[in-house]
Every structure is written in structure tokens, then in C-alpha cells.
Amino acid sequence: MQNKTKDKLRRIMNKYDPIGIYVSDKTNIDEYDPEIKEIVMKFRGVKDKSEFLNDVHSVFIEMFDKKIAGPKNRYKDLAEDLYLLLRDKNK
């Protein structure tokens, strides 16, 4: 993955900070890198935004657990922004 794309993905993840672990770019900008890697891999086979939302949520359940991940609706805006970036990158 290109550094430019990875930086954009990081900014999106840190903006939404779905599980509350991001502090600042100076301390832990790469905190969500493992999740980004998994999400990008899942995106390759995705058919639509709804499926992608399920995939994003499932990554957080797998990487943490269902309680920490929280409800799927918490990921709606995050998944939308990630989807648009990845879709446009792959055009």
C-alpha cells in the first residue's frame, strides 16, 4: 500500500477513533494500522457499502472483542469514508 493512501486511511481511522485508543499524531498515529491492513484486505472482495460496514465491524470484533468493538452503527460513518477512499483509489 502506498504511503499516501496509508496516511489517508490513518487520518480517517483516527478521526473516528471507534474504540477510543487514538491520542495524537505525536504519540500513536499508527495505532489502527493492524485494523487498516485487515480492512483493506476485506475491501478487495466487497460488493457494496452495506457488506463493507459488516466487514469493518467484524475486523474490530476479531481484533478486540464484541464488547470493546461495540455496536455496528458506531462504524457507519467510518466505513463510508473508508469505502469512498478505497473505491476511488482502485478506479
N, C-alpha and C. Protein backbone atom coordinates (compact mmCIF):
# COMPACT_ATOMS: atom_id res chain seq x y z
N MET A 1 0.85 -1.17 0.00
CA MET A 1 0.00 0.00 0.00
C MET A 1 0.90 1.24 0.00
N GLN A 2 0.54 2.20 -0.82
CA GLN A 2 1.30 3.43 -0.90
C GLN A 2 1.20 4.22 0.41
N ASN A 3 2.29 4.91 0.74
CA ASN A 3 2.31 5.70 1.97
C ASN A 3 1.23 6.77 1.99
N LYS A 4 0.97 7.37 0.84
CA LYS A 4 -0.04 8.42 0.75
C LYS A 4 -1.43 7.87 1.12
N THR A 5 -1.75 6.71 0.58
CA THR A 5 -3.03 6.06 0.88
C THR A 5 -3.09 5.65 2.35
N LYS A 6 -2.00 5.08 2.84
CA LYS A 6 -1.97 4.65 4.24
C LYS A 6 -2.17 5.85 5.16
N ASP A 7 -1.55 6.98 4.84
CA ASP A 7 -1.72 8.19 5.65
C ASP A 7 -3.18 8.65 5.65
N LYS A 8 -3.83 8.58 4.50
CA LYS A 8 -5.25 8.97 4.42
C LYS A 8 -6.12 8.02 5.24
N LEU A 9 -5.82 6.73 5.15
CA LEU A 9 -6.57 5.75 5.93
C LEU A 9 -6.37 5.98 7.43
N ARG A 10 -5.14 6.27 7.82
CA ARG A 10 -4.86 6.57 9.23
C ARG A 10 -5.65 7.79 9.70
N ARG A 11 -5.68 8.82 8.89
CA ARG A 11 -6.41 10.04 9.28
C ARG A 11 -7.89 9.74 9.50
N ILE A 12 -8.45 8.94 8.61
CA ILE A 12 -9.86 8.58 8.74
C ILE A 12 -10.08 7.77 10.02
N MET A 13 -9.26 6.75 10.23
CA MET A 13 -9.42 5.91 11.42
C MET A 13 -9.27 6.72 12.69
N ASN A 14 -8.27 7.59 12.72
CA ASN A 14 -8.02 8.38 13.92
C ASN A 14 -9.11 9.43 14.14
N LYS A 15 -9.67 9.93 13.05
CA LYS A 15 -10.77 10.90 13.16
C LYS A 15 -11.95 10.27 13.90
N TYR A 16 -12.32 9.06 13.52
CA TYR A 16 -13.48 8.40 14.13
C TYR A 16 -13.12 7.66 15.42
N ASP A 17 -11.88 7.18 15.50
CA ASP A 17 -11.37 6.53 16.72
C ASP A 17 -12.45 5.65 17.36
N PRO A 18 -12.91 4.62 16.66
CA PRO A 18 -14.10 3.87 17.10
C PRO A 18 -14.00 3.19 18.46
N ILE A 19 -12.79 2.89 18.92
CA ILE A 19 -12.70 2.25 20.24
C ILE A 19 -11.94 3.12 21.25
N GLY A 20 -11.66 4.35 20.86
CA GLY A 20 -11.10 5.31 21.81
C GLY A 20 -9.65 5.08 22.20
N ILE A 21 -8.80 4.67 21.25
CA ILE A 21 -7.40 4.43 21.58
C ILE A 21 -6.44 5.45 20.97
N TYR A 22 -6.94 6.31 20.11
CA TYR A 22 -6.08 7.31 19.47
C TYR A 22 -5.93 8.51 20.40
N VAL A 23 -4.67 8.99 20.53
CA VAL A 23 -4.40 10.14 21.38
C VAL A 23 -4.01 11.34 20.53
N SER A 24 -2.94 11.19 19.75
CA SER A 24 -2.49 12.28 18.88
C SER A 24 -1.50 11.75 17.86
N ASP A 25 -1.27 12.55 16.82
CA ASP A 25 -0.31 12.15 15.80
C ASP A 25 1.11 12.03 16.36
N LYS A 26 1.39 12.72 17.43
CA LYS A 26 2.72 12.68 18.03
C LYS A 26 2.95 11.43 18.87
N THR A 27 1.88 10.81 19.34
CA THR A 27 2.06 9.67 20.24
C THR A 27 1.69 8.32 19.62
N ASN A 28 0.62 8.27 18.84
CA ASN A 28 0.21 6.95 18.33
C ASN A 28 -0.58 7.03 17.02
N ILE A 29 -0.02 7.70 16.05
CA ILE A 29 -0.70 7.85 14.75
C ILE A 29 -0.97 6.50 14.09
N ASP A 30 -0.15 5.49 14.39
CA ASP A 30 -0.26 4.19 13.74
C ASP A 30 -1.04 3.16 14.56
N GLU A 31 -1.76 3.61 15.54
CA GLU A 31 -2.46 2.71 16.45
C GLU A 31 -3.42 1.75 15.74
N TYR A 32 -4.05 2.20 14.68
CA TYR A 32 -5.02 1.38 13.96
C TYR A 32 -4.43 0.67 12.73
N ASP A 33 -3.12 0.65 12.58
CA ASP A 33 -2.52 0.01 11.40
C ASP A 33 -2.90 -1.46 11.22
N PRO A 34 -2.94 -2.28 12.28
CA PRO A 34 -3.35 -3.68 12.07
C PRO A 34 -4.79 -3.79 11.53
N GLU A 35 -5.67 -2.94 12.03
CA GLU A 35 -7.05 -2.95 11.56
C GLU A 35 -7.14 -2.45 10.13
N ILE A 36 -6.35 -1.43 9.80
CA ILE A 36 -6.32 -0.93 8.42
C ILE A 36 -5.91 -2.04 7.47
N LYS A 37 -4.89 -2.77 7.82
CA LYS A 37 -4.42 -3.87 6.97
C LYS A 37 -5.54 -4.89 6.71
N GLU A 38 -6.24 -5.27 7.76
CA GLU A 38 -7.33 -6.24 7.61
C GLU A 38 -8.49 -5.67 6.80
N ILE A 39 -8.81 -4.42 7.04
CA ILE A 39 -9.92 -3.78 6.33
C ILE A 39 -9.62 -3.67 4.84
N VAL A 40 -8.40 -3.31 4.50
CA VAL A 40 -8.01 -3.20 3.08
C VAL A 40 -8.11 -4.57 2.42
N MET A 41 -7.69 -5.62 3.10
CA MET A 41 -7.78 -6.98 2.53
C MET A 41 -9.24 -7.36 2.31
N LYS A 42 -10.10 -7.03 3.25
CA LYS A 42 -11.52 -7.37 3.10
C LYS A 42 -12.19 -6.55 1.99
N PHE A 43 -11.73 -5.34 1.79
CA PHE A 43 -12.32 -4.48 0.77
C PHE A 43 -12.21 -5.10 -0.62
N ARG A 44 -11.17 -5.83 -0.87
CA ARG A 44 -10.93 -6.41 -2.20
C ARG A 44 -12.08 -7.29 -2.68
N GLY A 45 -12.80 -7.90 -1.76
CA GLY A 45 -13.90 -8.77 -2.17
C GLY A 45 -15.28 -8.21 -1.89
N VAL A 46 -15.35 -6.94 -1.51
CA VAL A 46 -16.63 -6.37 -1.09
C VAL A 46 -17.52 -6.04 -2.29
N LYS A 47 -18.82 -6.21 -2.11
CA LYS A 47 -19.78 -5.95 -3.19
C LYS A 47 -20.46 -4.59 -3.06
N ASP A 48 -20.66 -4.13 -1.81
CA ASP A 48 -21.35 -2.86 -1.62
C ASP A 48 -21.02 -2.28 -0.24
N LYS A 49 -21.53 -1.08 0.02
CA LYS A 49 -21.24 -0.38 1.28
C LYS A 49 -21.77 -1.13 2.49
N SER A 50 -22.91 -1.74 2.36
CA SER A 50 -23.51 -2.47 3.47
C SER A 50 -22.63 -3.65 3.89
N GLU A 51 -22.15 -4.38 2.91
CA GLU A 51 -21.26 -5.50 3.18
C GLU A 51 -19.96 -5.00 3.81
N PHE A 52 -19.47 -3.86 3.30
CA PHE A 52 -18.23 -3.31 3.83
C PHE A 52 -18.40 -2.88 5.28
N LEU A 53 -19.52 -2.29 5.62
CA LEU A 53 -19.79 -1.92 7.02
C LEU A 53 -19.72 -3.16 7.90
N ASN A 54 -20.33 -4.26 7.47
CA ASN A 54 -20.26 -5.51 8.23
C ASN A 54 -18.81 -5.97 8.38
N ASP A 55 -18.03 -5.84 7.30
CA ASP A 55 -16.62 -6.25 7.34
C ASP A 55 -15.80 -5.40 8.31
N VAL A 56 -16.00 -4.09 8.26
CA VAL A 56 -15.26 -3.19 9.15
C VAL A 56 -15.59 -3.53 10.61
N HIS A 57 -16.86 -3.69 10.90
CA HIS A 57 -17.27 -4.03 12.26
C HIS A 57 -16.67 -5.37 12.68
N SER A 58 -16.70 -6.35 11.78
CA SER A 58 -16.17 -7.67 12.13
C SER A 58 -14.66 -7.63 12.41
N VAL A 59 -13.93 -6.75 11.72
CA VAL A 59 -12.49 -6.62 11.99
C VAL A 59 -12.28 -6.19 13.44
N PHE A 60 -13.06 -5.24 13.91
CA PHE A 60 -12.88 -4.77 15.28
C PHE A 60 -13.32 -5.82 16.30
N ILE A 61 -14.33 -6.60 15.96
CA ILE A 61 -14.73 -7.69 16.85
C ILE A 61 -13.62 -8.73 16.93
N GLU A 62 -13.03 -9.06 15.77
CA GLU A 62 -11.96 -10.06 15.74
C GLU A 62 -10.69 -9.57 16.43
N MET A 63 -10.35 -8.30 16.25
CA MET A 63 -9.10 -7.78 16.80
C MET A 63 -9.21 -7.48 18.30
N PHE A 64 -10.40 -7.19 18.77
CA PHE A 64 -10.60 -6.87 20.18
C PHE A 64 -11.61 -7.86 20.73
N ASP A 65 -12.83 -7.50 20.83
CA ASP A 65 -13.94 -8.41 21.13
C ASP A 65 -15.23 -7.65 20.91
N LYS A 66 -16.34 -8.35 21.02
CA LYS A 66 -17.64 -7.74 20.70
C LYS A 66 -17.96 -6.57 21.65
N LYS A 67 -17.63 -6.71 22.91
CA LYS A 67 -17.93 -5.66 23.88
C LYS A 67 -17.12 -4.40 23.59
N ILE A 68 -15.82 -4.55 23.34
CA ILE A 68 -14.97 -3.39 23.05
C ILE A 68 -15.35 -2.78 21.71
N ALA A 69 -15.61 -3.62 20.71
CA ALA A 69 -15.98 -3.12 19.38
C ALA A 69 -17.27 -2.31 19.44
N GLY A 70 -18.20 -2.75 20.22
CA GLY A 70 -19.47 -2.04 20.33
C GLY A 70 -20.38 -2.30 19.14
N PRO A 71 -21.46 -1.53 19.05
CA PRO A 71 -22.47 -1.77 18.01
C PRO A 71 -22.00 -1.39 16.61
N LYS A 72 -22.57 -2.06 15.64
CA LYS A 72 -22.20 -1.83 14.24
C LYS A 72 -22.47 -0.39 13.82
N ASN A 73 -23.52 0.23 14.33
CA ASN A 73 -23.85 1.59 13.89
C ASN A 73 -22.76 2.60 14.25
N ARG A 74 -21.90 2.27 15.20
CA ARG A 74 -20.76 3.11 15.55
C ARG A 74 -19.78 3.25 14.38
N TYR A 75 -19.81 2.31 13.45
CA TYR A 75 -18.84 2.24 12.35
C TYR A 75 -19.39 2.76 11.02
N LYS A 76 -20.63 3.20 11.02
CA LYS A 76 -21.28 3.60 9.77
C LYS A 76 -20.52 4.71 9.03
N ASP A 77 -20.25 5.81 9.69
CA ASP A 77 -19.55 6.93 9.04
C ASP A 77 -18.10 6.57 8.71
N LEU A 78 -17.46 5.86 9.61
CA LEU A 78 -16.09 5.40 9.37
C LEU A 78 -16.04 4.53 8.13
N ALA A 79 -16.92 3.54 8.06
CA ALA A 79 -16.94 2.64 6.91
C ALA A 79 -17.24 3.39 5.61
N GLU A 80 -18.12 4.35 5.67
CA GLU A 80 -18.45 5.16 4.49
C GLU A 80 -17.21 5.89 3.97
N ASP A 81 -16.49 6.55 4.86
CA ASP A 81 -15.30 7.29 4.44
C ASP A 81 -14.20 6.36 3.92
N LEU A 82 -14.01 5.24 4.61
CA LEU A 82 -13.01 4.26 4.14
C LEU A 82 -13.40 3.69 2.78
N TYR A 83 -14.66 3.37 2.64
CA TYR A 83 -15.16 2.81 1.38
C TYR A 83 -14.91 3.77 0.22
N LEU A 84 -15.25 5.03 0.41
CA LEU A 84 -15.07 6.02 -0.66
C LEU A 84 -13.60 6.18 -1.03
N LEU A 85 -12.74 6.24 -0.03
CA LEU A 85 -11.30 6.37 -0.31
C LEU A 85 -10.78 5.14 -1.05
N LEU A 86 -11.10 3.96 -0.57
CA LEU A 86 -10.61 2.73 -1.21
C LEU A 86 -11.20 2.53 -2.60
N ARG A 87 -12.47 2.87 -2.75
CA ARG A 87 -13.11 2.75 -4.07
C ARG A 87 -12.43 3.66 -5.07
N ASP A 88 -12.22 4.92 -4.68
CA ASP A 88 -11.59 5.88 -5.59
C ASP A 88 -10.14 5.52 -5.89
N LYS A 89 -9.45 4.95 -4.92
CA LYS A 89 -8.06 4.53 -5.10
C LYS A 89 -7.97 3.40 -6.12
N ASN A 90 -9.01 2.56 -6.16
CA ASN A 90 -8.98 1.38 -7.02
C ASN A 90 -9.63 1.59 -8.39
N LYS A 91 -10.00 2.81 -8.70
CA LYS A 91 -10.61 3.08 -10.00
C LYS A 91 -9.56 3.12 -11.09
